[in-house]
Every structure is written in structure tokens, then in C-alpha cells.
Amino acid sequence: MRAESRAPAKVILAGEHFVVHGGKALAVSIDLWARATAESGREITLESDNPPGSCGPGGCAPHLRPLRAMLEELVADHPGAVGAYRLSSEIPEGRGLGSSAAAAVALAAAALALAEGTALREEVYEYAMISERLIHGNPSGVDPAVSAHGGAMLYSRSEGVRRIRVREGLLALCCGPSPRSTAAMVELVAGFKRSRPGLFDALLRSSSDLAEVGASALAEGNLLALASVIRWHQGALRILGVSSEELEAYVASMESAGMAAKLTGAGGGGCALGLPIGRAAEPKCSAPVVRWARYPSEGVTAWRLS
């Protein structure tokens, strides 16, 4: 028996870091994919093309151990998921696009499809969070939620997912060569909160309010209002200390091309996104990866083959 799956990347338009501390985040899935295959076998093995590595009886590559742990727990609940897994991804790793979450979501979906013939998205999300906690320590849950469910959503830890119906659109991405540690950036912001609690709480409240405004603007197609929300959040992330010289250069390049721009994800390096307003020009980022991404994409899909 064999199963296949794919899961999308994500960008956060508003609310990263604040969502870890109880705020709201506005996020959309984009058309970059992690893909997984599963084939019935007598033991769990895992091969990854990107990033390269393997897990088997002889050992496991360190970066794949959280995924292996997730599969082991899933197999304990669903014994029919024992088998050989292969993972591939076109999502740049460690750049703020949810690469680790998409990999976990794709693998969990393939495993559930192999064992049960179908993969319920909420169950996929719960298993993916096992890997995410091992990798990031204190993840908000927004990345696997977007990858599992797809589309556009307003997300918070207390309220979960609120789906938003939106029209298709394009975002520019400028992604640099410097991967960063989400856990390190999360700890940096936690330190900011401990040292300046009043300022942090004021920013968090404003961020959540503006994420709501951004969600309404996205649903209505009001890109000018959404642009203001995006720009405010770049300023707030700069105050928190998670922007970087590299990211600021990407943001400036996209702003000069007629876009509203901000970093996406944990910061410290990685990707910045640009929302075109009117007739925007091609961004001239000095980044190795400059591309357009379509939003929103569908969520995870999985299917079993006999």
C-alpha cells in the first residue's frame, strides 16, 4: 500500500511573535509545497531530499529526529502507518515560510492516509505540533494550522482558526541566504517582554486589533487598508529587535517598487514579503531568491494508492 500528500507554505501578514504570547495572527497559505510519500513496511524509515538526510535502524540525522518522533507517536495510535517515508520540499528552509511545519503536515497526512485511507486536517495538525514543539520549543501553532487547513485565517492560541474567504492574489518574496533559528528569535522577544512589559503589552494589543482590521481588509479586497497593517507590523517587529539589515534592505526595495513590505516569520534573516498596491514594479532585491507567490493555496491533501 502507498500514500502521497502535499502541504503548502505560509506567510504571516500580521501578528508574528505576538501570537506566541496570546495575540492574533493573520496568515495565508502560498503555492510552495512540501511533498511526502509513504509505503507500507515492517519498520519506520525516513528519507529527505531537502534538507537531505535519513532515519533508519542505523541512526537518524539530527534535523529529522523531530519528524521521526512524530511518526513514532502516530504509528503507536495507527499501526497501519508503519512504513518507508520520503520527504521533498521546494520551501526554503529556515526563512519564515513554515518549512518545518509543512514537512510535518505532509508526513502526518501521508501516514494517516496510509493507515486509514484518509487524513482529517485537525488530526494532521495535532500530530504536526509534536514535531513543531520539539524543533521550536514554544511554537504558536499558526504555521501547521495554515499548512493543514490552507486558505487565509486569523489565528490565536485561545480561539484557534477563524477562516477568511479571500480573492486570489500575488505576493513578492525576497529570501536571503541566512537561515535563522525560530527558537532564538522567540527567546529574544521573550526577553524584550521581560525587560519592557508595558511597551510589549501595548504593542501586543495594537497588533491583535490591527490583525482584525487586516482580516477585514483582506476579505473586502481593500489592499490600501491591508498595506497600512503590514507597514505597522514591520515597524513593531523592528522595535522588538527581530528585523535585520538584510531584511530592512529587502523591505526598502519592495517599498520603492510600490509595495507594502515586511519580514515574515521569526525574523533575524530569511524572507520579506511585498503586497503589490496598484501597478507595482518587479522588486530589485539583492536576494538569492526573488519570486512571486500566489495566495491562498489549498491546504494539505493526501491520497492512498493500492
C-alpha atoms as a PDB file:
ATOM      1  CA  MET A   1       0.000   0.000   0.000  1.00  0.00           C
ATOM      2  CA  ARG A   2       1.203   3.514  -0.797  1.00  0.00           C
ATOM      3  CA  ALA A   3       0.085   7.062   0.071  1.00  0.00           C
ATOM      4  CA  GLU A   4       1.097  10.520  -1.121  1.00  0.00           C
ATOM      5  CA  SER A   5       0.495  14.042   0.179  1.00  0.00           C
ATOM      6  CA  ARG A   6       1.427  17.665  -0.231  1.00  0.00           C
ATOM      7  CA  ALA A   7       1.213  20.639   2.164  1.00  0.00           C
ATOM      8  CA  PRO A   8       1.667  24.367   1.485  1.00  0.00           C
ATOM      9  CA  ALA A   9       3.985  27.027   2.848  1.00  0.00           C
ATOM     10  CA  LYS A  10       2.644  30.106   4.595  1.00  0.00           C
ATOM     11  CA  VAL A  11       3.317  33.794   5.138  1.00  0.00           C
ATOM     12  CA  ILE A  12       2.192  35.895   8.087  1.00  0.00           C
ATOM     13  CA  LEU A  13       0.754  39.251   7.114  1.00  0.00           C
ATOM     14  CA  ALA A  14       0.317  40.482  10.695  1.00  0.00           C
ATOM     15  CA  GLY A  15       0.993  39.286  14.222  1.00  0.00           C
ATOM     16  CA  GLU A  16       4.094  37.075  14.253  1.00  0.00           C
ATOM     17  CA  HIS A  17       5.749  36.856  17.677  1.00  0.00           C
ATOM     18  CA  PHE A  18       2.714  38.480  19.301  1.00  0.00           C
ATOM     19  CA  VAL A  19       0.733  35.316  18.511  1.00  0.00           C
ATOM     20  CA  VAL A  20       3.154  33.324  20.707  1.00  0.00           C
ATOM     21  CA  HIS A  21       2.058  35.496  23.656  1.00  0.00           C
ATOM     22  CA  GLY A  22      -1.690  35.227  23.091  1.00  0.00           C
ATOM     23  CA  GLY A  23      -2.186  37.741  20.276  1.00  0.00           C
ATOM     24  CA  LYS A  24      -3.782  37.197  16.878  1.00  0.00           C
ATOM     25  CA  ALA A  25      -2.009  36.480  13.604  1.00  0.00           C
ATOM     26  CA  LEU A  26      -3.265  36.971  10.058  1.00  0.00           C
ATOM     27  CA  ALA A  27      -1.765  34.369   7.737  1.00  0.00           C
ATOM     28  CA  VAL A  28      -2.269  32.915   4.262  1.00  0.00           C
ATOM     29  CA  SER A  29      -1.051  29.754   2.561  1.00  0.00           C
ATOM     30  CA  ILE A  30       1.003  30.144  -0.617  1.00  0.00           C
ATOM     31  CA  ASP A  31       1.781  27.900  -3.575  1.00  0.00           C
ATOM     32  CA  LEU A  32       5.097  26.432  -2.409  1.00  0.00           C
ATOM     33  CA  TRP A  33       4.880  22.786  -1.362  1.00  0.00           C
ATOM     34  CA  ALA A  34       6.315  20.042   0.803  1.00  0.00           C
ATOM     35  CA  ARG A  35       5.519  16.555  -0.514  1.00  0.00           C
ATOM     36  CA  ALA A  36       5.611  13.164   1.178  1.00  0.00           C
ATOM     37  CA  THR A  37       5.197   9.561   0.105  1.00  0.00           C
ATOM     38  CA  ALA A  38       4.592   6.571   2.368  1.00  0.00           C
ATOM     39  CA  GLU A  39       4.817   2.873   1.559  1.00  0.00           C
ATOM     40  CA  SER A  40       3.815   0.052   3.893  1.00  0.00           C
ATOM     41  CA  GLY A  41       6.725  -1.769   5.510  1.00  0.00           C
ATOM     42  CA  ARG A  42       7.937  -3.512   8.660  1.00  0.00           C
ATOM     43  CA  GLU A  43       9.652  -0.507  10.268  1.00  0.00           C
ATOM     44  CA  ILE A  44       9.700   3.273  10.122  1.00  0.00           C
ATOM     45  CA  THR A  45      12.314   4.749   7.799  1.00  0.00           C
ATOM     46  CA  LEU A  46      12.550   8.300   6.530  1.00  0.00           C
ATOM     47  CA  GLU A  47      14.481   9.772   3.600  1.00  0.00           C
ATOM     48  CA  SER A  48      14.543  13.525   2.951  1.00  0.00           C
ATOM     49  CA  ASP A  49      15.667  15.203  -0.267  1.00  0.00           C
ATOM     50  CA  ASN A  50      15.541  18.778   1.065  1.00  0.00           C
ATOM     51  CA  PRO A  51      17.101  19.114   3.525  1.00  0.00           C
ATOM     52  CA  PRO A  52      18.990  15.880   2.777  1.00  0.00           C
ATOM     53  CA  GLY A  53      19.186  13.166   5.401  1.00  0.00           C
ATOM     54  CA  SER A  54      17.773   9.851   6.518  1.00  0.00           C
ATOM     55  CA  CYS A  55      16.436   7.936   9.520  1.00  0.00           C
ATOM     56  CA  GLY A  56      16.592   4.191   9.862  1.00  0.00           C
ATOM     57  CA  PRO A  57      17.811   1.322  12.035  1.00  0.00           C
ATOM     58  CA  GLY A  58      21.376   2.640  11.874  1.00  0.00           C
ATOM     59  CA  GLY A  59      20.570   6.116  13.177  1.00  0.00           C
ATOM     60  CA  CYS A  60      18.808   9.351  12.352  1.00  0.00           C
ATOM     61  CA  ALA A  61      20.011  12.713  11.046  1.00  0.00           C
ATOM     62  CA  PRO A  62      19.586  15.285  13.868  1.00  0.00           C
ATOM     63  CA  HIS A  63      17.314  17.599  11.863  1.00  0.00           C
ATOM     64  CA  LEU A  64      14.946  14.691  11.109  1.00  0.00           C
ATOM     65  CA  ARG A  65      14.596  13.416  14.683  1.00  0.00           C
ATOM     66  CA  PRO A  66      11.519  15.562  15.488  1.00  0.00           C
ATOM     67  CA  LEU A  67       9.763  14.172  12.398  1.00  0.00           C
ATOM     68  CA  ARG A  68      10.781  10.643  13.362  1.00  0.00           C
ATOM     69  CA  ALA A  69       9.381  11.198  16.880  1.00  0.00           C
ATOM     70  CA  MET A  70       6.113  12.426  15.378  1.00  0.00           C
ATOM     71  CA  LEU A  71       5.866   9.353  13.145  1.00  0.00           C
ATOM     72  CA  GLU A  72       6.564   7.032  16.055  1.00  0.00           C
ATOM     73  CA  GLU A  73       3.752   8.557  18.110  1.00  0.00           C
ATOM     74  CA  LEU A  74       1.395   8.444  15.118  1.00  0.00           C
ATOM     75  CA  VAL A  75       2.237   4.787  14.455  1.00  0.00           C
ATOM     76  CA  ALA A  76       1.527   3.973  18.115  1.00  0.00           C
ATOM     77  CA  ASP A  77      -2.019   5.254  17.511  1.00  0.00           C
ATOM     78  CA  HIS A  78      -2.326   3.970  13.934  1.00  0.00           C
ATOM     79  CA  PRO A  79      -0.235   0.775  13.474  1.00  0.00           C
ATOM     80  CA  GLY A  80      -1.076   0.640   9.779  1.00  0.00           C
ATOM     81  CA  ALA A  81       1.186   3.683   9.274  1.00  0.00           C
ATOM     82  CA  VAL A  82       4.401   1.672   9.690  1.00  0.00           C
ATOM     83  CA  GLY A  83       6.473   2.009   6.552  1.00  0.00           C
ATOM     84  CA  ALA A  84       9.036   3.838   4.461  1.00  0.00           C
ATOM     85  CA  TYR A  85       8.646   7.614   4.078  1.00  0.00           C
ATOM     86  CA  ARG A  86      10.207  10.054   1.664  1.00  0.00           C
ATOM     87  CA  LEU A  87      10.029  13.834   2.006  1.00  0.00           C
ATOM     88  CA  SER A  88      10.799  16.524  -0.560  1.00  0.00           C
ATOM     89  CA  SER A  89      10.241  20.265  -0.362  1.00  0.00           C
ATOM     90  CA  GLU A  90      10.539  23.350  -2.532  1.00  0.00           C
ATOM     91  CA  ILE A  91      10.082  25.638   0.503  1.00  0.00           C
ATOM     92  CA  PRO A  92      13.298  27.452   1.512  1.00  0.00           C
ATOM     93  CA  GLU A  93      14.332  26.151   4.924  1.00  0.00           C
ATOM     94  CA  GLY A  94      14.606  28.486   7.923  1.00  0.00           C
ATOM     95  CA  ARG A  95      13.331  31.541   6.028  1.00  0.00           C
ATOM     96  CA  GLY A  96       9.985  32.232   7.728  1.00  0.00           C
ATOM     97  CA  LEU A  97       7.759  30.355   5.271  1.00  0.00           C
ATOM     98  CA  GLY A  98       6.797  27.479   7.567  1.00  0.00           C
ATOM     99  CA  SER A  99       9.064  24.851   6.012  1.00  0.00           C
ATOM    100  CA  SER A 100       9.272  22.644   9.108  1.00  0.00           C
ATOM    101  CA  ALA A 101       5.507  22.801   9.664  1.00  0.00           C
ATOM    102  CA  ALA A 102       4.737  21.954   6.032  1.00  0.00           C
ATOM    103  CA  ALA A 103       7.104  18.965   6.210  1.00  0.00           C
ATOM    104  CA  ALA A 104       5.436  17.702   9.393  1.00  0.00           C
ATOM    105  CA  VAL A 105       1.944  18.254   7.977  1.00  0.00           C
ATOM    106  CA  ALA A 106       2.790  16.454   4.727  1.00  0.00           C
ATOM    107  CA  LEU A 107       4.329  13.477   6.565  1.00  0.00           C
ATOM    108  CA  ALA A 108       1.472  13.206   9.069  1.00  0.00           C
ATOM    109  CA  ALA A 109      -1.100  13.342   6.270  1.00  0.00           C
ATOM    110  CA  ALA A 110       0.682  10.655   4.260  1.00  0.00           C
ATOM    111  CA  ALA A 111       0.927   8.446   7.352  1.00  0.00           C
ATOM    112  CA  LEU A 112      -2.770   8.819   8.203  1.00  0.00           C
ATOM    113  CA  ALA A 113      -3.768   8.193   4.588  1.00  0.00           C
ATOM    114  CA  LEU A 114      -1.600   5.052   4.543  1.00  0.00           C
ATOM    115  CA  ALA A 115      -3.155   3.744   7.759  1.00  0.00           C
ATOM    116  CA  GLU A 116      -6.757   4.888   7.431  1.00  0.00           C
ATOM    117  CA  GLY A 117      -7.309   5.836   3.785  1.00  0.00           C
ATOM    118  CA  THR A 118      -7.960   9.467   4.704  1.00  0.00           C
ATOM    119  CA  ALA A 119      -6.334  12.284   6.664  1.00  0.00           C
ATOM    120  CA  LEU A 120      -8.504  14.641   8.708  1.00  0.00           C
ATOM    121  CA  ARG A 121      -6.888  18.064   8.777  1.00  0.00           C
ATOM    122  CA  GLU A 122      -7.401  18.684  12.503  1.00  0.00           C
ATOM    123  CA  GLU A 123      -5.775  15.345  13.328  1.00  0.00           C
ATOM    124  CA  VAL A 124      -2.921  16.126  10.937  1.00  0.00           C
ATOM    125  CA  TYR A 125      -2.436  19.441  12.770  1.00  0.00           C
ATOM    126  CA  GLU A 126      -2.264  17.756  16.183  1.00  0.00           C
ATOM    127  CA  TYR A 127       0.433  15.319  15.058  1.00  0.00           C
ATOM    128  CA  ALA A 128       2.412  18.054  13.276  1.00  0.00           C
ATOM    129  CA  MET A 129       2.539  20.022  16.522  1.00  0.00           C
ATOM    130  CA  ILE A 130       4.559  17.184  18.097  1.00  0.00           C
ATOM    131  CA  SER A 131       7.406  17.879  15.675  1.00  0.00           C
ATOM    132  CA  GLU A 132       6.981  21.662  15.901  1.00  0.00           C
ATOM    133  CA  ARG A 133       7.309  21.646  19.706  1.00  0.00           C
ATOM    134  CA  LEU A 134      10.496  19.604  19.510  1.00  0.00           C
ATOM    135  CA  ILE A 135      12.001  21.982  16.937  1.00  0.00           C
ATOM    136  CA  HIS A 136      10.877  25.386  18.189  1.00  0.00           C
ATOM    137  CA  GLY A 137      10.224  24.906  21.901  1.00  0.00           C
ATOM    138  CA  ASN A 138       7.212  27.213  22.215  1.00  0.00           C
ATOM    139  CA  PRO A 139       5.516  27.462  18.803  1.00  0.00           C
ATOM    140  CA  SER A 140       2.271  29.389  18.459  1.00  0.00           C
ATOM    141  CA  GLY A 141       0.748  26.704  16.215  1.00  0.00           C
ATOM    142  CA  VAL A 142      -0.060  29.115  13.392  1.00  0.00           C
ATOM    143  CA  ASP A 143       2.347  27.509  10.878  1.00  0.00           C
ATOM    144  CA  PRO A 144       0.907  23.963  10.970  1.00  0.00           C
ATOM    145  CA  ALA A 145      -2.620  25.391  11.184  1.00  0.00           C
ATOM    146  CA  VAL A 146      -2.176  27.293   7.914  1.00  0.00           C
ATOM    147  CA  SER A 147      -0.422  24.371   6.217  1.00  0.00           C
ATOM    148  CA  ALA A 148      -3.083  21.888   7.301  1.00  0.00           C
ATOM    149  CA  HIS A 149      -6.175  23.975   6.583  1.00  0.00           C
ATOM    150  CA  GLY A 150      -4.921  26.241   3.795  1.00  0.00           C
ATOM    151  CA  GLY A 151      -6.533  29.498   2.734  1.00  0.00           C
ATOM    152  CA  ALA A 152      -6.484  32.678   4.796  1.00  0.00           C
ATOM    153  CA  MET A 153      -7.082  32.737   8.528  1.00  0.00           C
ATOM    154  CA  LEU A 154      -6.996  34.721  11.705  1.00  0.00           C
ATOM    155  CA  TYR A 155      -5.364  32.531  14.345  1.00  0.00           C
ATOM    156  CA  SER A 156      -4.841  32.722  18.082  1.00  0.00           C
ATOM    157  CA  ARG A 157      -3.977  30.127  20.698  1.00  0.00           C
ATOM    158  CA  SER A 158      -7.184  30.818  22.625  1.00  0.00           C
ATOM    159  CA  GLU A 159      -9.617  30.930  19.681  1.00  0.00           C
ATOM    160  CA  GLY A 160      -7.872  28.664  17.173  1.00  0.00           C
ATOM    161  CA  VAL A 161      -8.607  29.121  13.473  1.00  0.00           C
ATOM    162  CA  ARG A 162     -11.050  31.620  12.010  1.00  0.00           C
ATOM    163  CA  ARG A 163     -11.252  31.098   8.260  1.00  0.00           C
ATOM    164  CA  ILE A 164     -11.448  34.126   5.944  1.00  0.00           C
ATOM    165  CA  ARG A 165     -12.804  33.984   2.407  1.00  0.00           C
ATOM    166  CA  VAL A 166     -10.493  35.993   0.141  1.00  0.00           C
ATOM    167  CA  ARG A 167      -9.789  36.503  -3.541  1.00  0.00           C
ATOM    168  CA  GLU A 168      -6.645  35.145  -5.111  1.00  0.00           C
ATOM    169  CA  GLY A 169      -3.669  37.467  -5.123  1.00  0.00           C
ATOM    170  CA  LEU A 170       0.087  37.674  -5.538  1.00  0.00           C
ATOM    171  CA  LEU A 171       2.861  38.437  -3.076  1.00  0.00           C
ATOM    172  CA  ALA A 172       6.502  39.135  -3.851  1.00  0.00           C
ATOM    173  CA  LEU A 173       9.088  37.240  -1.802  1.00  0.00           C
ATOM    174  CA  CYS A 174      12.716  38.215  -1.288  1.00  0.00           C
ATOM    175  CA  CYS A 175      14.535  35.429   0.570  1.00  0.00           C
ATOM    176  CA  GLY A 176      18.102  35.799   1.736  1.00  0.00           C
ATOM    177  CA  PRO A 177      20.896  33.284   2.253  1.00  0.00           C
ATOM    178  CA  SER A 178      20.837  33.417   6.049  1.00  0.00           C
ATOM    179  CA  PRO A 179      18.649  30.841   7.768  1.00  0.00           C
ATOM    180  CA  ARG A 180      17.755  31.751  11.335  1.00  0.00           C
ATOM    181  CA  SER A 181      16.647  29.947  14.472  1.00  0.00           C
ATOM    182  CA  THR A 182      12.985  30.481  15.266  1.00  0.00           C
ATOM    183  CA  ALA A 183      13.621  29.376  18.855  1.00  0.00           C
ATOM    184  CA  ALA A 184      16.373  32.006  19.251  1.00  0.00           C
ATOM    185  CA  MET A 185      14.136  34.768  17.906  1.00  0.00           C
ATOM    186  CA  VAL A 186      11.250  33.683  20.141  1.00  0.00           C
ATOM    187  CA  GLU A 187      13.565  33.840  23.158  1.00  0.00           C
ATOM    188  CA  LEU A 188      14.807  37.287  22.107  1.00  0.00           C
ATOM    189  CA  VAL A 189      11.233  38.573  22.090  1.00  0.00           C
ATOM    190  CA  ALA A 190      10.534  36.875  25.419  1.00  0.00           C
ATOM    191  CA  GLY A 191      13.495  38.820  26.805  1.00  0.00           C
ATOM    192  CA  PHE A 192      12.053  42.066  25.418  1.00  0.00           C
ATOM    193  CA  LYS A 193       8.763  41.269  27.147  1.00  0.00           C
ATOM    194  CA  ARG A 194      10.511  40.638  30.473  1.00  0.00           C
ATOM    195  CA  SER A 195      12.522  43.847  30.302  1.00  0.00           C
ATOM    196  CA  ARG A 196       9.795  46.162  28.920  1.00  0.00           C
ATOM    197  CA  PRO A 197       6.443  44.570  29.826  1.00  0.00           C
ATOM    198  CA  GLY A 198       4.365  47.729  29.478  1.00  0.00           C
ATOM    199  CA  LEU A 199       5.575  48.510  25.973  1.00  0.00           C
ATOM    200  CA  PHE A 200       5.251  44.882  24.928  1.00  0.00           C
ATOM    201  CA  ASP A 201       1.652  44.635  26.159  1.00  0.00           C
ATOM    202  CA  ALA A 202       0.730  47.860  24.336  1.00  0.00           C
ATOM    203  CA  LEU A 203       2.251  46.534  21.107  1.00  0.00           C
ATOM    204  CA  LEU A 204       0.506  43.177  21.547  1.00  0.00           C
ATOM    205  CA  ARG A 205      -2.921  44.785  21.996  1.00  0.00           C
ATOM    206  CA  SER A 206      -2.380  47.010  18.967  1.00  0.00           C
ATOM    207  CA  SER A 207      -1.130  44.097  16.898  1.00  0.00           C
ATOM    208  CA  SER A 208      -4.223  41.986  17.661  1.00  0.00           C
ATOM    209  CA  ASP A 209      -6.562  44.887  16.883  1.00  0.00           C
ATOM    210  CA  LEU A 210      -4.770  45.548  13.604  1.00  0.00           C
ATOM    211  CA  ALA A 211      -4.754  41.858  12.674  1.00  0.00           C
ATOM    212  CA  GLU A 212      -8.556  42.036  12.898  1.00  0.00           C
ATOM    213  CA  VAL A 213      -8.537  45.154  10.704  1.00  0.00           C
ATOM    214  CA  GLY A 214      -6.236  43.389   8.256  1.00  0.00           C
ATOM    215  CA  ALA A 215      -8.503  40.329   8.126  1.00  0.00           C
ATOM    216  CA  SER A 216     -11.492  42.519   7.224  1.00  0.00           C
ATOM    217  CA  ALA A 217      -9.455  44.424   4.648  1.00  0.00           C
ATOM    218  CA  LEU A 218      -8.211  41.179   3.062  1.00  0.00           C
ATOM    219  CA  ALA A 219     -11.759  39.798   2.885  1.00  0.00           C
ATOM    220  CA  GLU A 220     -13.028  43.026   1.309  1.00  0.00           C
ATOM    221  CA  GLY A 221     -10.116  43.351  -1.114  1.00  0.00           C
ATOM    222  CA  ASN A 222      -9.127  46.674   0.472  1.00  0.00           C
ATOM    223  CA  LEU A 223      -5.396  46.474  -0.215  1.00  0.00           C
ATOM    224  CA  LEU A 224      -4.701  50.047   0.917  1.00  0.00           C
ATOM    225  CA  ALA A 225      -6.010  49.278   4.407  1.00  0.00           C
ATOM    226  CA  LEU A 226      -4.121  45.975   4.463  1.00  0.00           C
ATOM    227  CA  ALA A 227      -0.962  47.810   3.400  1.00  0.00           C
ATOM    228  CA  SER A 228      -1.178  50.053   6.473  1.00  0.00           C
ATOM    229  CA  VAL A 229      -1.478  46.993   8.723  1.00  0.00           C
ATOM    230  CA  ILE A 230       1.544  45.374   7.080  1.00  0.00           C
ATOM    231  CA  ARG A 231       3.672  48.510   7.452  1.00  0.00           C
ATOM    232  CA  TRP A 232       2.711  48.978  11.104  1.00  0.00           C
ATOM    233  CA  HIS A 233       3.796  45.442  11.853  1.00  0.00           C
ATOM    234  CA  GLN A 234       7.176  45.888  10.207  1.00  0.00           C
ATOM    235  CA  GLY A 235       7.727  48.868  12.494  1.00  0.00           C
ATOM    236  CA  ALA A 236       6.652  46.855  15.540  1.00  0.00           C
ATOM    237  CA  LEU A 237       8.944  43.950  14.626  1.00  0.00           C
ATOM    238  CA  ARG A 238      11.791  46.434  14.235  1.00  0.00           C
ATOM    239  CA  ILE A 239      11.112  47.673  17.787  1.00  0.00           C
ATOM    240  CA  LEU A 240      11.186  44.079  19.076  1.00  0.00           C
ATOM    241  CA  GLY A 241      14.634  43.676  17.518  1.00  0.00           C
ATOM    242  CA  VAL A 242      13.851  40.809  15.141  1.00  0.00           C
ATOM    243  CA  SER A 243      14.392  42.670  11.875  1.00  0.00           C
ATOM    244  CA  SER A 244      17.896  42.771  10.393  1.00  0.00           C
ATOM    245  CA  GLU A 245      19.968  44.815   7.981  1.00  0.00           C
ATOM    246  CA  GLU A 246      19.328  42.191   5.321  1.00  0.00           C
ATOM    247  CA  LEU A 247      15.558  42.225   5.844  1.00  0.00           C
ATOM    248  CA  GLU A 248      15.408  46.035   6.005  1.00  0.00           C
ATOM    249  CA  ALA A 249      17.118  46.188   2.603  1.00  0.00           C
ATOM    250  CA  TYR A 250      14.546  43.798   1.120  1.00  0.00           C
ATOM    251  CA  VAL A 251      11.688  45.797   2.639  1.00  0.00           C
ATOM    252  CA  ALA A 252      13.088  49.073   1.255  1.00  0.00           C
ATOM    253  CA  SER A 253      13.494  47.542  -2.206  1.00  0.00           C
ATOM    254  CA  MET A 254       9.884  46.341  -2.311  1.00  0.00           C
ATOM    255  CA  GLU A 255       8.530  49.592  -0.897  1.00  0.00           C
ATOM    256  CA  SER A 256      10.354  51.510  -3.629  1.00  0.00           C
ATOM    257  CA  ALA A 257       8.695  49.194  -6.184  1.00  0.00           C
ATOM    258  CA  GLY A 258       5.213  50.205  -4.984  1.00  0.00           C
ATOM    259  CA  MET A 259       4.523  47.504  -2.400  1.00  0.00           C
ATOM    260  CA  ALA A 260       3.768  47.326   1.306  1.00  0.00           C
ATOM    261  CA  ALA A 261       6.510  45.161   2.761  1.00  0.00           C
ATOM    262  CA  LYS A 262       7.531  43.416   5.963  1.00  0.00           C
ATOM    263  CA  LEU A 263       9.508  40.436   7.168  1.00  0.00           C
ATOM    264  CA  THR A 264       7.584  37.196   7.521  1.00  0.00           C
ATOM    265  CA  GLY A 265       8.132  34.631  10.239  1.00  0.00           C
ATOM    266  CA  ALA A 266      10.522  34.882  13.165  1.00  0.00           C
ATOM    267  CA  GLY A 267      12.923  37.393  11.608  1.00  0.00           C
ATOM    268  CA  GLY A 268      16.655  37.680  12.113  1.00  0.00           C
ATOM    269  CA  GLY A 269      17.100  36.832   8.423  1.00  0.00           C
ATOM    270  CA  GLY A 270      15.088  34.876   5.907  1.00  0.00           C
ATOM    271  CA  CYS A 271      12.282  36.289   3.783  1.00  0.00           C
ATOM    272  CA  ALA A 272      10.406  39.534   3.408  1.00  0.00           C
ATOM    273  CA  LEU A 273       7.072  39.786   1.600  1.00  0.00           C
ATOM    274  CA  GLY A 274       5.675  42.553  -0.543  1.00  0.00           C
ATOM    275  CA  LEU A 275       1.986  43.236  -1.193  1.00  0.00           C
ATOM    276  CA  PRO A 276       1.556  44.971  -4.566  1.00  0.00           C
ATOM    277  CA  ILE A 277      -0.605  48.087  -4.424  1.00  0.00           C
ATOM    278  CA  GLY A 278      -1.845  49.140  -7.831  1.00  0.00           C
ATOM    279  CA  ARG A 279       0.740  48.730 -10.593  1.00  0.00           C
ATOM    280  CA  ALA A 280       3.782  47.649  -8.633  1.00  0.00           C
ATOM    281  CA  ALA A 281       7.112  47.053 -10.352  1.00  0.00           C
ATOM    282  CA  GLU A 282       9.300  43.978 -10.052  1.00  0.00           C
ATOM    283  CA  PRO A 283      11.260  44.242  -6.772  1.00  0.00           C
ATOM    284  CA  LYS A 284      15.012  44.663  -7.184  1.00  0.00           C
ATOM    285  CA  CYS A 285      16.091  42.764  -4.077  1.00  0.00           C
ATOM    286  CA  SER A 286      19.717  41.744  -3.703  1.00  0.00           C
ATOM    287  CA  ALA A 287      18.493  38.309  -2.589  1.00  0.00           C
ATOM    288  CA  PRO A 288      19.268  34.866  -3.990  1.00  0.00           C
ATOM    289  CA  VAL A 289      15.559  34.027  -4.203  1.00  0.00           C
ATOM    290  CA  VAL A 290      13.101  36.559  -5.620  1.00  0.00           C
ATOM    291  CA  ARG A 291       9.773  35.175  -6.744  1.00  0.00           C
ATOM    292  CA  TRP A 292       6.050  35.730  -6.866  1.00  0.00           C
ATOM    293  CA  ALA A 293       3.807  33.531  -4.764  1.00  0.00           C
ATOM    294  CA  ARG A 294       0.088  33.050  -5.240  1.00  0.00           C
ATOM    295  CA  TYR A 295      -2.264  33.108  -2.252  1.00  0.00           C
ATOM    296  CA  PRO A 296      -4.303  31.471  -0.915  1.00  0.00           C
ATOM    297  CA  SER A 297      -3.470  27.884  -1.817  1.00  0.00           C
ATOM    298  CA  GLU A 298      -5.413  24.817  -0.732  1.00  0.00           C
ATOM    299  CA  GLY A 299      -4.481  23.057   2.495  1.00  0.00           C
ATOM    300  CA  VAL A 300      -2.899  19.649   2.868  1.00  0.00           C
ATOM    301  CA  THR A 301      -4.184  16.902   0.597  1.00  0.00           C
ATOM    302  CA  ALA A 302      -3.430  13.186   0.875  1.00  0.00           C
ATOM    303  CA  TRP A 303      -4.496  10.095  -1.010  1.00  0.00           C
ATOM    304  CA  ARG A 304      -3.896   6.340  -0.793  1.00  0.00           C
ATOM    305  CA  LEU A 305      -2.926   4.206  -3.753  1.00  0.00           C
ATOM    306  CA  SER A 306      -3.382   0.425  -3.835  1.00  0.00           C
END
